[in-house]
């Protein structure tokens, strides 16, 4: 019988020696090992991998595909230790296209989703999700970055959040609007009143005082979208929480075009704010929404008229 936990540890050590961080892989594979032990699995089988990957049932299909992809990479390694290992075939779960057309949320969409979050129970859970979702929309943070925030990462005096050990292995500081700072300070105060002796240093906590889990957020948000009646155009995938980053980036550009700012000069600033390595990555987020297209066209017409 394979010691799955030990195999996961060795697998991660080997890949990290090649330069990979694998923070999310470590968490997911740890859950997989615990699941396989719980069902007394002697080998990693496709059926068991699929049963684990499709949890939780309410999560987006793309998230299930991500989980199965993590298992697939681990299974390839495990075959060297256990020839009876079965590798989940590619295409077993539908995977999204490499370039997903993002959904750009309107002000009304955001208000409706946050209002639905306010109907969650108990009260602290509603408060946490309302504040978390609002922060992601106004800051463009990744959901993983938001749930990893600790209290010490928020400087209420200077209005700055420090995001540590990001996707690309770097930390960055994100300045916030005064109203956002006030909202976070108010949330932290209410959180501490409900639980004076916290179980975690996390900024966002669950109803029992522990750190909010990304998996839970990924499950709850699609439900809020559906209950809010927010839908994508026919033939497009459902709105995702990650689309909040796209929305933030697009709105920044729209604001710059409206005020006549030099967008090319400011784009590296947006890249830094979002935590991208360079502006070419940021272009991935800039969808051609009608309003943005009109502003770009108007700018090009103006530039053409000013040329001698």
C-alpha atoms as a PDB file:
ATOM      1  CA  UNK A   1       0.000   0.000   0.000  1.00  0.00           C
ATOM      2  CA  UNK A   2       1.384   3.389  -1.006  1.00  0.00           C
ATOM      3  CA  UNK A   3       2.096   6.050   1.626  1.00  0.00           C
ATOM      4  CA  UNK A   4       0.409   8.835  -0.323  1.00  0.00           C
ATOM      5  CA  UNK A   5       1.358  11.619   2.076  1.00  0.00           C
ATOM      6  CA  UNK A   6       5.044  10.691   1.877  1.00  0.00           C
ATOM      7  CA  UNK A   7       4.828  10.419  -1.903  1.00  0.00           C
ATOM      8  CA  UNK A   8       3.311  13.904  -2.091  1.00  0.00           C
ATOM      9  CA  UNK A   9       6.120  15.298   0.065  1.00  0.00           C
ATOM     10  CA  UNK A  10       8.794  13.744  -2.163  1.00  0.00           C
ATOM     11  CA  UNK A  11       7.036  14.847  -5.351  1.00  0.00           C
ATOM     12  CA  UNK A  12       6.841  18.460  -4.173  1.00  0.00           C
ATOM     13  CA  UNK A  13      10.472  18.438  -3.045  1.00  0.00           C
ATOM     14  CA  UNK A  14      11.656  17.245  -6.458  1.00  0.00           C
ATOM     15  CA  UNK A  15       9.631  19.812  -8.382  1.00  0.00           C
ATOM     16  CA  UNK A  16      10.599  22.642  -6.050  1.00  0.00           C
ATOM     17  CA  UNK A  17      14.220  21.782  -6.631  1.00  0.00           C
ATOM     18  CA  UNK A  18      13.486  22.698 -10.250  1.00  0.00           C
ATOM     19  CA  UNK A  19      12.223  26.145  -9.210  1.00  0.00           C
ATOM     20  CA  UNK A  20       8.472  25.582  -8.877  1.00  0.00           C
ATOM     21  CA  UNK A  21       6.615  27.093  -5.887  1.00  0.00           C
ATOM     22  CA  UNK A  22       3.582  24.751  -5.913  1.00  0.00           C
ATOM     23  CA  UNK A  23       1.757  26.395  -3.011  1.00  0.00           C
ATOM     24  CA  UNK A  24      -1.650  25.454  -4.368  1.00  0.00           C
ATOM     25  CA  UNK A  25      -0.449  22.002  -5.449  1.00  0.00           C
ATOM     26  CA  UNK A  26       0.732  21.284  -1.921  1.00  0.00           C
ATOM     27  CA  UNK A  27      -2.665  22.118  -0.481  1.00  0.00           C
ATOM     28  CA  UNK A  28      -4.618  20.146  -3.092  1.00  0.00           C
ATOM     29  CA  UNK A  29      -2.374  17.086  -3.020  1.00  0.00           C
ATOM     30  CA  UNK A  30      -2.471  17.059   0.758  1.00  0.00           C
ATOM     31  CA  UNK A  31      -6.254  16.869   0.507  1.00  0.00           C
ATOM     32  CA  UNK A  32      -5.968  14.130  -2.110  1.00  0.00           C
ATOM     33  CA  UNK A  33      -3.663  12.046   0.110  1.00  0.00           C
ATOM     34  CA  UNK A  34      -6.063  12.381   3.044  1.00  0.00           C
ATOM     35  CA  UNK A  35      -8.978  11.367   0.813  1.00  0.00           C
ATOM     36  CA  UNK A  36      -7.178   8.287  -0.507  1.00  0.00           C
ATOM     37  CA  UNK A  37      -6.262   7.248   3.014  1.00  0.00           C
ATOM     38  CA  UNK A  38      -9.856   7.741   4.167  1.00  0.00           C
ATOM     39  CA  UNK A  39     -11.185   5.349   1.507  1.00  0.00           C
ATOM     40  CA  UNK A  40      -8.340   2.859   2.134  1.00  0.00           C
ATOM     41  CA  UNK A  41      -7.070   3.126  -1.427  1.00  0.00           C
ATOM     42  CA  UNK A  42      -4.095   0.851  -2.136  1.00  0.00           C
ATOM     43  CA  UNK A  43      -3.265   2.532  -5.434  1.00  0.00           C
ATOM     44  CA  UNK A  44      -4.221   5.755  -7.181  1.00  0.00           C
ATOM     45  CA  UNK A  45      -7.061   4.850  -9.531  1.00  0.00           C
ATOM     46  CA  UNK A  46      -8.768   7.025 -12.124  1.00  0.00           C
ATOM     47  CA  UNK A  47     -12.170   6.503 -10.497  1.00  0.00           C
ATOM     48  CA  UNK A  48     -10.896   7.704  -7.119  1.00  0.00           C
ATOM     49  CA  UNK A  49      -9.059  10.643  -8.679  1.00  0.00           C
ATOM     50  CA  UNK A  50     -12.226  11.680 -10.506  1.00  0.00           C
ATOM     51  CA  UNK A  51     -14.366  11.337  -7.377  1.00  0.00           C
ATOM     52  CA  UNK A  52     -11.996  13.598  -5.448  1.00  0.00           C
ATOM     53  CA  UNK A  53     -11.505  16.110  -8.273  1.00  0.00           C
ATOM     54  CA  UNK A  54     -15.230  16.719  -8.690  1.00  0.00           C
ATOM     55  CA  UNK A  55     -15.580  17.935  -5.117  1.00  0.00           C
ATOM     56  CA  UNK A  56     -17.198  20.169  -4.067  1.00  0.00           C
ATOM     57  CA  UNK A  57     -20.172  19.472  -6.296  1.00  0.00           C
ATOM     58  CA  UNK A  58     -21.216  23.125  -6.490  1.00  0.00           C
ATOM     59  CA  UNK A  59     -17.876  24.416  -7.765  1.00  0.00           C
ATOM     60  CA  UNK A  60     -17.321  25.540 -11.341  1.00  0.00           C
ATOM     61  CA  UNK A  61     -16.439  22.742 -13.816  1.00  0.00           C
ATOM     62  CA  UNK A  62     -13.191  24.558 -14.602  1.00  0.00           C
ATOM     63  CA  UNK A  63     -12.140  24.192 -10.959  1.00  0.00           C
ATOM     64  CA  UNK A  64     -12.822  20.457 -11.112  1.00  0.00           C
ATOM     65  CA  UNK A  65     -10.597  20.274 -14.200  1.00  0.00           C
ATOM     66  CA  UNK A  66      -7.838  22.147 -12.357  1.00  0.00           C
ATOM     67  CA  UNK A  67      -8.016  19.680  -9.472  1.00  0.00           C
ATOM     68  CA  UNK A  68      -7.857  16.697 -11.814  1.00  0.00           C
ATOM     69  CA  UNK A  69      -4.921  18.245 -13.671  1.00  0.00           C
ATOM     70  CA  UNK A  70      -3.042  18.476 -10.384  1.00  0.00           C
ATOM     71  CA  UNK A  71      -3.716  14.790  -9.773  1.00  0.00           C
ATOM     72  CA  UNK A  72      -2.573  13.934 -13.299  1.00  0.00           C
ATOM     73  CA  UNK A  73       0.866  15.477 -12.803  1.00  0.00           C
ATOM     74  CA  UNK A  74       1.278  13.723  -9.463  1.00  0.00           C
ATOM     75  CA  UNK A  75       0.121  10.394 -10.936  1.00  0.00           C
ATOM     76  CA  UNK A  76       2.815  10.551 -13.610  1.00  0.00           C
ATOM     77  CA  UNK A  77       5.419  10.795 -10.865  1.00  0.00           C
ATOM     78  CA  UNK A  78       3.731   8.077  -8.791  1.00  0.00           C
ATOM     79  CA  UNK A  79       3.943   5.494 -11.580  1.00  0.00           C
ATOM     80  CA  UNK A  80       7.698   5.260 -10.944  1.00  0.00           C
ATOM     81  CA  UNK A  81       6.955   4.113  -7.384  1.00  0.00           C
ATOM     82  CA  UNK A  82       3.802   2.131  -8.063  1.00  0.00           C
ATOM     83  CA  UNK A  83       3.284   0.706 -11.570  1.00  0.00           C
ATOM     84  CA  UNK A  84      -0.360   0.039 -10.681  1.00  0.00           C
ATOM     85  CA  UNK A  85      -1.028   3.776 -10.612  1.00  0.00           C
ATOM     86  CA  UNK A  86      -3.576   4.954 -13.152  1.00  0.00           C
ATOM     87  CA  UNK A  87      -3.039   8.339 -14.816  1.00  0.00           C
ATOM     88  CA  UNK A  88      -6.278  10.262 -15.452  1.00  0.00           C
ATOM     89  CA  UNK A  89      -6.483  10.814 -19.221  1.00  0.00           C
ATOM     90  CA  UNK A  90      -6.537  14.299 -20.672  1.00  0.00           C
ATOM     91  CA  UNK A  91     -10.071  15.355 -21.554  1.00  0.00           C
ATOM     92  CA  UNK A  92     -11.727  13.283 -18.846  1.00  0.00           C
ATOM     93  CA  UNK A  93     -13.216  16.513 -17.533  1.00  0.00           C
ATOM     94  CA  UNK A  94     -14.017  19.397 -19.874  1.00  0.00           C
ATOM     95  CA  UNK A  95     -11.285  21.994 -19.641  1.00  0.00           C
ATOM     96  CA  UNK A  96     -11.748  25.662 -20.531  1.00  0.00           C
ATOM     97  CA  UNK A  97     -10.160  27.150 -23.599  1.00  0.00           C
ATOM     98  CA  UNK A  98      -6.764  28.692 -22.969  1.00  0.00           C
ATOM     99  CA  UNK A  99      -8.170  32.140 -23.643  1.00  0.00           C
ATOM    100  CA  UNK A 100     -11.409  32.563 -21.757  1.00  0.00           C
ATOM    101  CA  UNK A 101     -13.488  35.577 -22.695  1.00  0.00           C
ATOM    102  CA  UNK A 102     -13.935  37.350 -19.356  1.00  0.00           C
ATOM    103  CA  UNK A 103     -17.187  38.739 -18.090  1.00  0.00           C
ATOM    104  CA  UNK A 104     -16.946  42.463 -17.311  1.00  0.00           C
ATOM    105  CA  UNK A 105     -19.187  43.250 -14.361  1.00  0.00           C
ATOM    106  CA  UNK A 106     -21.377  46.331 -14.332  1.00  0.00           C
ATOM    107  CA  UNK A 107     -21.931  48.451 -11.235  1.00  0.00           C
ATOM    108  CA  UNK A 108     -25.370  46.892 -10.894  1.00  0.00           C
ATOM    109  CA  UNK A 109     -23.925  43.369 -11.162  1.00  0.00           C
ATOM    110  CA  UNK A 110     -21.476  44.082  -8.350  1.00  0.00           C
ATOM    111  CA  UNK A 111     -24.140  45.643  -6.138  1.00  0.00           C
ATOM    112  CA  UNK A 112     -26.467  42.688  -6.646  1.00  0.00           C
ATOM    113  CA  UNK A 113     -23.773  40.112  -5.861  1.00  0.00           C
ATOM    114  CA  UNK A 114     -22.687  41.925  -2.700  1.00  0.00           C
ATOM    115  CA  UNK A 115     -26.343  42.219  -1.673  1.00  0.00           C
ATOM    116  CA  UNK A 116     -26.749  38.447  -2.102  1.00  0.00           C
ATOM    117  CA  UNK A 117     -23.629  37.900   0.021  1.00  0.00           C
ATOM    118  CA  UNK A 118     -25.352  39.890   2.743  1.00  0.00           C
ATOM    119  CA  UNK A 119     -28.070  37.202   2.901  1.00  0.00           C
ATOM    120  CA  UNK A 120     -25.610  34.469   3.870  1.00  0.00           C
ATOM    121  CA  UNK A 121     -25.783  33.041   7.362  1.00  0.00           C
ATOM    122  CA  UNK A 122     -24.552  33.430  10.010  1.00  0.00           C
ATOM    123  CA  UNK A 123     -24.016  37.179  10.226  1.00  0.00           C
ATOM    124  CA  UNK A 124     -20.211  37.022  10.288  1.00  0.00           C
ATOM    125  CA  UNK A 125     -20.123  34.868   7.152  1.00  0.00           C
ATOM    126  CA  UNK A 126     -22.237  37.430   5.309  1.00  0.00           C
ATOM    127  CA  UNK A 127     -20.053  40.261   6.570  1.00  0.00           C
ATOM    128  CA  UNK A 128     -16.863  38.469   5.528  1.00  0.00           C
ATOM    129  CA  UNK A 129     -18.038  37.651   2.003  1.00  0.00           C
ATOM    130  CA  UNK A 130     -19.409  41.123   1.408  1.00  0.00           C
ATOM    131  CA  UNK A 131     -16.124  42.725   2.454  1.00  0.00           C
ATOM    132  CA  UNK A 132     -13.909  40.212   0.640  1.00  0.00           C
ATOM    133  CA  UNK A 133     -15.799  40.459  -2.655  1.00  0.00           C
ATOM    134  CA  UNK A 134     -15.883  44.248  -2.510  1.00  0.00           C
ATOM    135  CA  UNK A 135     -12.118  44.377  -1.846  1.00  0.00           C
ATOM    136  CA  UNK A 136     -11.373  42.147  -4.840  1.00  0.00           C
ATOM    137  CA  UNK A 137     -13.481  44.306  -7.136  1.00  0.00           C
ATOM    138  CA  UNK A 138     -11.936  47.612  -6.050  1.00  0.00           C
ATOM    139  CA  UNK A 139      -8.331  46.374  -5.870  1.00  0.00           C
ATOM    140  CA  UNK A 140      -8.018  43.784  -8.639  1.00  0.00           C
ATOM    141  CA  UNK A 141      -6.428  41.343  -6.192  1.00  0.00           C
ATOM    142  CA  UNK A 142      -6.412  37.618  -6.856  1.00  0.00           C
ATOM    143  CA  UNK A 143      -8.791  35.712  -4.590  1.00  0.00           C
ATOM    144  CA  UNK A 144      -5.865  33.668  -3.268  1.00  0.00           C
ATOM    145  CA  UNK A 145      -4.022  36.856  -2.364  1.00  0.00           C
ATOM    146  CA  UNK A 146      -7.053  38.222  -0.540  1.00  0.00           C
ATOM    147  CA  UNK A 147      -7.710  35.160   1.615  1.00  0.00           C
ATOM    148  CA  UNK A 148      -4.003  34.927   2.542  1.00  0.00           C
ATOM    149  CA  UNK A 149      -3.959  38.466   3.958  1.00  0.00           C
ATOM    150  CA  UNK A 150      -3.096  38.721   7.633  1.00  0.00           C
ATOM    151  CA  UNK A 151      -4.036  41.588   9.923  1.00  0.00           C
ATOM    152  CA  UNK A 152      -0.446  42.867   9.857  1.00  0.00           C
ATOM    153  CA  UNK A 153      -0.581  43.111   6.064  1.00  0.00           C
ATOM    154  CA  UNK A 154      -3.044  46.005   6.266  1.00  0.00           C
ATOM    155  CA  UNK A 155      -1.649  49.430   7.157  1.00  0.00           C
ATOM    156  CA  UNK A 156      -4.766  51.365   8.085  1.00  0.00           C
ATOM    157  CA  UNK A 157      -2.822  54.567   8.737  1.00  0.00           C
ATOM    158  CA  UNK A 158      -1.179  54.777   5.306  1.00  0.00           C
ATOM    159  CA  UNK A 159      -3.930  52.948   3.427  1.00  0.00           C
ATOM    160  CA  UNK A 160      -1.669  50.232   2.006  1.00  0.00           C
ATOM    161  CA  UNK A 161      -2.013  46.464   1.762  1.00  0.00           C
ATOM    162  CA  UNK A 162       1.123  44.332   1.488  1.00  0.00           C
ATOM    163  CA  UNK A 163       0.617  41.217  -0.621  1.00  0.00           C
ATOM    164  CA  UNK A 164       3.334  38.714   0.214  1.00  0.00           C
ATOM    165  CA  UNK A 165       4.792  35.837  -1.785  1.00  0.00           C
ATOM    166  CA  UNK A 166       2.549  36.282  -4.811  1.00  0.00           C
ATOM    167  CA  UNK A 167       2.034  34.096  -7.867  1.00  0.00           C
ATOM    168  CA  UNK A 168       5.403  35.144  -9.307  1.00  0.00           C
ATOM    169  CA  UNK A 169       7.319  34.900  -6.028  1.00  0.00           C
ATOM    170  CA  UNK A 170       7.361  38.621  -5.311  1.00  0.00           C
ATOM    171  CA  UNK A 171       5.648  40.852  -2.780  1.00  0.00           C
ATOM    172  CA  UNK A 172       3.973  44.125  -3.625  1.00  0.00           C
ATOM    173  CA  UNK A 173       2.189  46.974  -1.909  1.00  0.00           C
ATOM    174  CA  UNK A 174      -1.269  48.023  -3.061  1.00  0.00           C
ATOM    175  CA  UNK A 175      -2.542  51.506  -2.116  1.00  0.00           C
ATOM    176  CA  UNK A 176      -6.248  51.683  -1.336  1.00  0.00           C
ATOM    177  CA  UNK A 177      -8.861  54.415  -1.520  1.00  0.00           C
ATOM    178  CA  UNK A 178      -9.785  55.946   1.837  1.00  0.00           C
ATOM    179  CA  UNK A 179     -13.291  54.478   1.639  1.00  0.00           C
ATOM    180  CA  UNK A 180     -11.842  50.995   1.157  1.00  0.00           C
ATOM    181  CA  UNK A 181      -9.564  51.448   4.159  1.00  0.00           C
ATOM    182  CA  UNK A 182     -12.534  52.536   6.262  1.00  0.00           C
ATOM    183  CA  UNK A 183     -14.540  49.507   5.135  1.00  0.00           C
ATOM    184  CA  UNK A 184     -11.723  47.103   6.050  1.00  0.00           C
ATOM    185  CA  UNK A 185     -11.187  48.788   9.409  1.00  0.00           C
ATOM    186  CA  UNK A 186     -14.907  48.530  10.181  1.00  0.00           C
ATOM    187  CA  UNK A 187     -14.983  44.860   9.183  1.00  0.00           C
ATOM    188  CA  UNK A 188     -11.963  44.072  11.381  1.00  0.00           C
ATOM    189  CA  UNK A 189     -13.654  45.802  14.310  1.00  0.00           C
ATOM    190  CA  UNK A 190     -16.868  43.825  13.904  1.00  0.00           C
ATOM    191  CA  UNK A 191     -14.896  40.605  13.469  1.00  0.00           C
ATOM    192  CA  UNK A 192     -13.007  41.167  16.717  1.00  0.00           C
ATOM    193  CA  UNK A 193     -16.186  42.023  18.605  1.00  0.00           C
ATOM    194  CA  UNK A 194     -17.712  38.715  17.544  1.00  0.00           C
ATOM    195  CA  UNK A 195     -14.591  36.741  18.444  1.00  0.00           C
ATOM    196  CA  UNK A 196     -12.278  38.601  20.876  1.00  0.00           C
ATOM    197  CA  UNK A 197      -9.877  35.627  20.955  1.00  0.00           C
ATOM    198  CA  UNK A 198      -9.217  34.861  17.278  1.00  0.00           C
ATOM    199  CA  UNK A 199      -8.022  31.466  16.108  1.00  0.00           C
ATOM    200  CA  UNK A 200      -6.126  32.968  13.183  1.00  0.00           C
ATOM    201  CA  UNK A 201      -4.123  36.063  12.284  1.00  0.00           C
ATOM    202  CA  UNK A 202      -6.063  36.167   9.009  1.00  0.00           C
ATOM    203  CA  UNK A 203      -7.835  39.339   7.960  1.00  0.00           C
ATOM    204  CA  UNK A 204     -10.811  37.389   6.603  1.00  0.00           C
ATOM    205  CA  UNK A 205     -12.085  34.652   8.876  1.00  0.00           C
ATOM    206  CA  UNK A 206     -14.735  31.974   8.765  1.00  0.00           C
ATOM    207  CA  UNK A 207     -17.665  31.767  11.163  1.00  0.00           C
ATOM    208  CA  UNK A 208     -15.540  29.772  13.613  1.00  0.00           C
ATOM    209  CA  UNK A 209     -12.620  32.189  13.478  1.00  0.00           C
ATOM    210  CA  UNK A 210     -10.285  30.260  11.179  1.00  0.00           C
ATOM    211  CA  UNK A 211      -8.771  31.531   7.925  1.00  0.00           C
ATOM    212  CA  UNK A 212     -11.232  31.703   5.057  1.00  0.00           C
ATOM    213  CA  UNK A 213     -10.465  28.996   2.492  1.00  0.00           C
ATOM    214  CA  UNK A 214     -10.124  29.694  -1.204  1.00  0.00           C
ATOM    215  CA  UNK A 215     -12.027  26.492  -2.025  1.00  0.00           C
ATOM    216  CA  UNK A 216     -15.007  27.703  -0.046  1.00  0.00           C
ATOM    217  CA  UNK A 217     -14.932  31.101  -1.754  1.00  0.00           C
ATOM    218  CA  UNK A 218     -14.761  29.375  -5.151  1.00  0.00           C
ATOM    219  CA  UNK A 219     -17.881  27.412  -4.230  1.00  0.00           C
ATOM    220  CA  UNK A 220     -19.900  30.239  -2.697  1.00  0.00           C
ATOM    221  CA  UNK A 221     -19.266  32.938  -5.319  1.00  0.00           C
ATOM    222  CA  UNK A 222     -20.939  31.117  -8.267  1.00  0.00           C
ATOM    223  CA  UNK A 223     -24.001  30.622  -6.082  1.00  0.00           C
ATOM    224  CA  UNK A 224     -24.125  34.328  -5.337  1.00  0.00           C
ATOM    225  CA  UNK A 225     -23.820  35.112  -9.054  1.00  0.00           C
ATOM    226  CA  UNK A 226     -26.725  32.822  -9.881  1.00  0.00           C
ATOM    227  CA  UNK A 227     -28.953  34.109  -7.077  1.00  0.00           C
ATOM    228  CA  UNK A 228     -28.147  37.687  -8.147  1.00  0.00           C
ATOM    229  CA  UNK A 229     -29.341  36.877 -11.669  1.00  0.00           C
ATOM    230  CA  UNK A 230     -25.998  37.829 -13.256  1.00  0.00           C
ATOM    231  CA  UNK A 231     -25.584  35.881 -16.497  1.00  0.00           C
ATOM    232  CA  UNK A 232     -23.146  35.892 -19.388  1.00  0.00           C
ATOM    233  CA  UNK A 233     -24.237  36.263 -23.029  1.00  0.00           C
ATOM    234  CA  UNK A 234     -25.323  33.041 -24.780  1.00  0.00           C
ATOM    235  CA  UNK A 235     -22.423  30.746 -25.612  1.00  0.00           C
ATOM    236  CA  UNK A 236     -20.113  32.274 -23.001  1.00  0.00           C
ATOM    237  CA  UNK A 237     -19.042  30.757 -19.694  1.00  0.00           C
ATOM    238  CA  UNK A 238     -20.598  31.928 -16.449  1.00  0.00           C
ATOM    239  CA  UNK A 239     -19.102  34.987 -14.726  1.00  0.00           C
ATOM    240  CA  UNK A 240     -16.170  34.109 -12.452  1.00  0.00           C
ATOM    241  CA  UNK A 241     -14.693  35.831  -9.432  1.00  0.00           C
ATOM    242  CA  UNK A 242     -11.401  36.061 -11.353  1.00  0.00           C
ATOM    243  CA  UNK A 243     -13.235  38.235 -13.868  1.00  0.00           C
ATOM    244  CA  UNK A 244     -13.199  40.926 -11.185  1.00  0.00           C
ATOM    245  CA  UNK A 245      -9.511  41.450 -12.059  1.00  0.00           C
ATOM    246  CA  UNK A 246     -10.422  41.902 -15.715  1.00  0.00           C
ATOM    247  CA  UNK A 247     -13.171  44.317 -14.692  1.00  0.00           C
ATOM    248  CA  UNK A 248     -10.746  46.317 -12.571  1.00  0.00           C
ATOM    249  CA  UNK A 249      -8.178  46.534 -15.383  1.00  0.00           C
ATOM    250  CA  UNK A 250     -10.740  47.559 -18.000  1.00  0.00           C
ATOM    251  CA  UNK A 251     -12.206  50.222 -15.727  1.00  0.00           C
ATOM    252  CA  UNK A 252      -8.754  51.663 -15.110  1.00  0.00           C
ATOM    253  CA  UNK A 253      -8.225  52.060 -18.847  1.00  0.00           C
ATOM    254  CA  UNK A 254     -11.634  53.578 -19.346  1.00  0.00           C
ATOM    255  CA  UNK A 255     -10.885  56.121 -16.627  1.00  0.00           C
ATOM    256  CA  UNK A 256      -7.531  57.011 -18.167  1.00  0.00           C
ATOM    257  CA  UNK A 257      -8.973  57.439 -21.641  1.00  0.00           C
ATOM    258  CA  UNK A 258     -11.772  59.630 -20.295  1.00  0.00           C
ATOM    259  CA  UNK A 259      -9.306  61.958 -18.543  1.00  0.00           C
ATOM    260  CA  UNK A 260      -6.936  62.105 -21.535  1.00  0.00           C
ATOM    261  CA  UNK A 261      -4.106  60.332 -19.732  1.00  0.00           C
ATOM    262  CA  UNK A 262      -1.186  58.737 -21.581  1.00  0.00           C
ATOM    263  CA  UNK A 263      -2.337  55.098 -21.417  1.00  0.00           C
ATOM    264  CA  UNK A 264       0.905  53.653 -22.793  1.00  0.00           C
ATOM    265  CA  UNK A 265       2.875  55.424 -20.108  1.00  0.00           C
ATOM    266  CA  UNK A 266       0.546  54.312 -17.327  1.00  0.00           C
ATOM    267  CA  UNK A 267       0.110  50.682 -18.375  1.00  0.00           C
ATOM    268  CA  UNK A 268       3.284  49.556 -16.542  1.00  0.00           C
ATOM    269  CA  UNK A 269       1.784  51.069 -13.381  1.00  0.00           C
ATOM    270  CA  UNK A 270      -1.306  48.940 -13.814  1.00  0.00           C
ATOM    271  CA  UNK A 271       0.879  45.870 -14.369  1.00  0.00           C
ATOM    272  CA  UNK A 272       2.727  46.530 -11.132  1.00  0.00           C
ATOM    273  CA  UNK A 273      -0.507  47.097  -9.244  1.00  0.00           C
ATOM    274  CA  UNK A 274      -1.948  43.798 -10.483  1.00  0.00           C
ATOM    275  CA  UNK A 275       1.266  41.934  -9.712  1.00  0.00           C
ATOM    276  CA  UNK A 276       2.199  41.109 -13.299  1.00  0.00           C
ATOM    277  CA  UNK A 277       5.753  40.567 -14.448  1.00  0.00           C
ATOM    278  CA  UNK A 278       5.420  42.951 -17.391  1.00  0.00           C
ATOM    279  CA  UNK A 279       2.731  44.845 -19.340  1.00  0.00           C
ATOM    280  CA  UNK A 280       2.394  42.090 -21.944  1.00  0.00           C
ATOM    281  CA  UNK A 281       0.690  39.967 -19.296  1.00  0.00           C
ATOM    282  CA  UNK A 282      -1.672  42.809 -18.476  1.00  0.00           C
ATOM    283  CA  UNK A 283      -2.901  42.955 -22.076  1.00  0.00           C
ATOM    284  CA  UNK A 284      -4.505  39.567 -21.381  1.00  0.00           C
ATOM    285  CA  UNK A 285      -6.921  41.337 -19.061  1.00  0.00           C
ATOM    286  CA  UNK A 286      -7.957  44.140 -21.369  1.00  0.00           C
ATOM    287  CA  UNK A 287     -11.122  43.014 -23.079  1.00  0.00           C
ATOM    288  CA  UNK A 288     -12.673  45.000 -25.880  1.00  0.00           C
ATOM    289  CA  UNK A 289     -15.837  46.168 -24.152  1.00  0.00           C
ATOM    290  CA  UNK A 290     -17.885  48.602 -26.275  1.00  0.00           C
ATOM    291  CA  UNK A 291     -17.172  51.635 -24.109  1.00  0.00           C
ATOM    292  CA  UNK A 292     -13.431  51.014 -24.189  1.00  0.00           C
ATOM    293  CA  UNK A 293     -13.437  50.474 -27.954  1.00  0.00           C
ATOM    294  CA  UNK A 294     -15.249  53.796 -28.464  1.00  0.00           C
ATOM    295  CA  UNK A 295     -12.753  55.653 -26.291  1.00  0.00           C
ATOM    296  CA  UNK A 296      -9.780  54.083 -28.066  1.00  0.00           C
ATOM    297  CA  UNK A 297     -11.284  54.936 -31.462  1.00  0.00           C
ATOM    298  CA  UNK A 298     -11.900  58.525 -30.383  1.00  0.00           C
ATOM    299  CA  UNK A 299      -8.305  58.814 -29.145  1.00  0.00           C
ATOM    300  CA  UNK A 300      -6.971  57.470 -32.447  1.00  0.00           C
ATOM    301  CA  UNK A 301      -9.122  59.933 -34.390  1.00  0.00           C
ATOM    302  CA  UNK A 302      -7.834  62.794 -32.262  1.00  0.00           C
ATOM    303  CA  UNK A 303      -4.231  61.720 -32.731  1.00  0.00           C
ATOM    304  CA  UNK A 304      -4.723  61.461 -36.475  1.00  0.00           C
ATOM    305  CA  UNK A 305      -6.189  64.981 -36.655  1.00  0.00           C
ATOM    306  CA  UNK A 306      -3.274  66.416 -34.689  1.00  0.00           C
ATOM    307  CA  UNK A 307      -0.668  64.937 -36.994  1.00  0.00           C
ATOM    308  CA  UNK A 308       0.793  67.437 -39.530  1.00  0.00           C
END
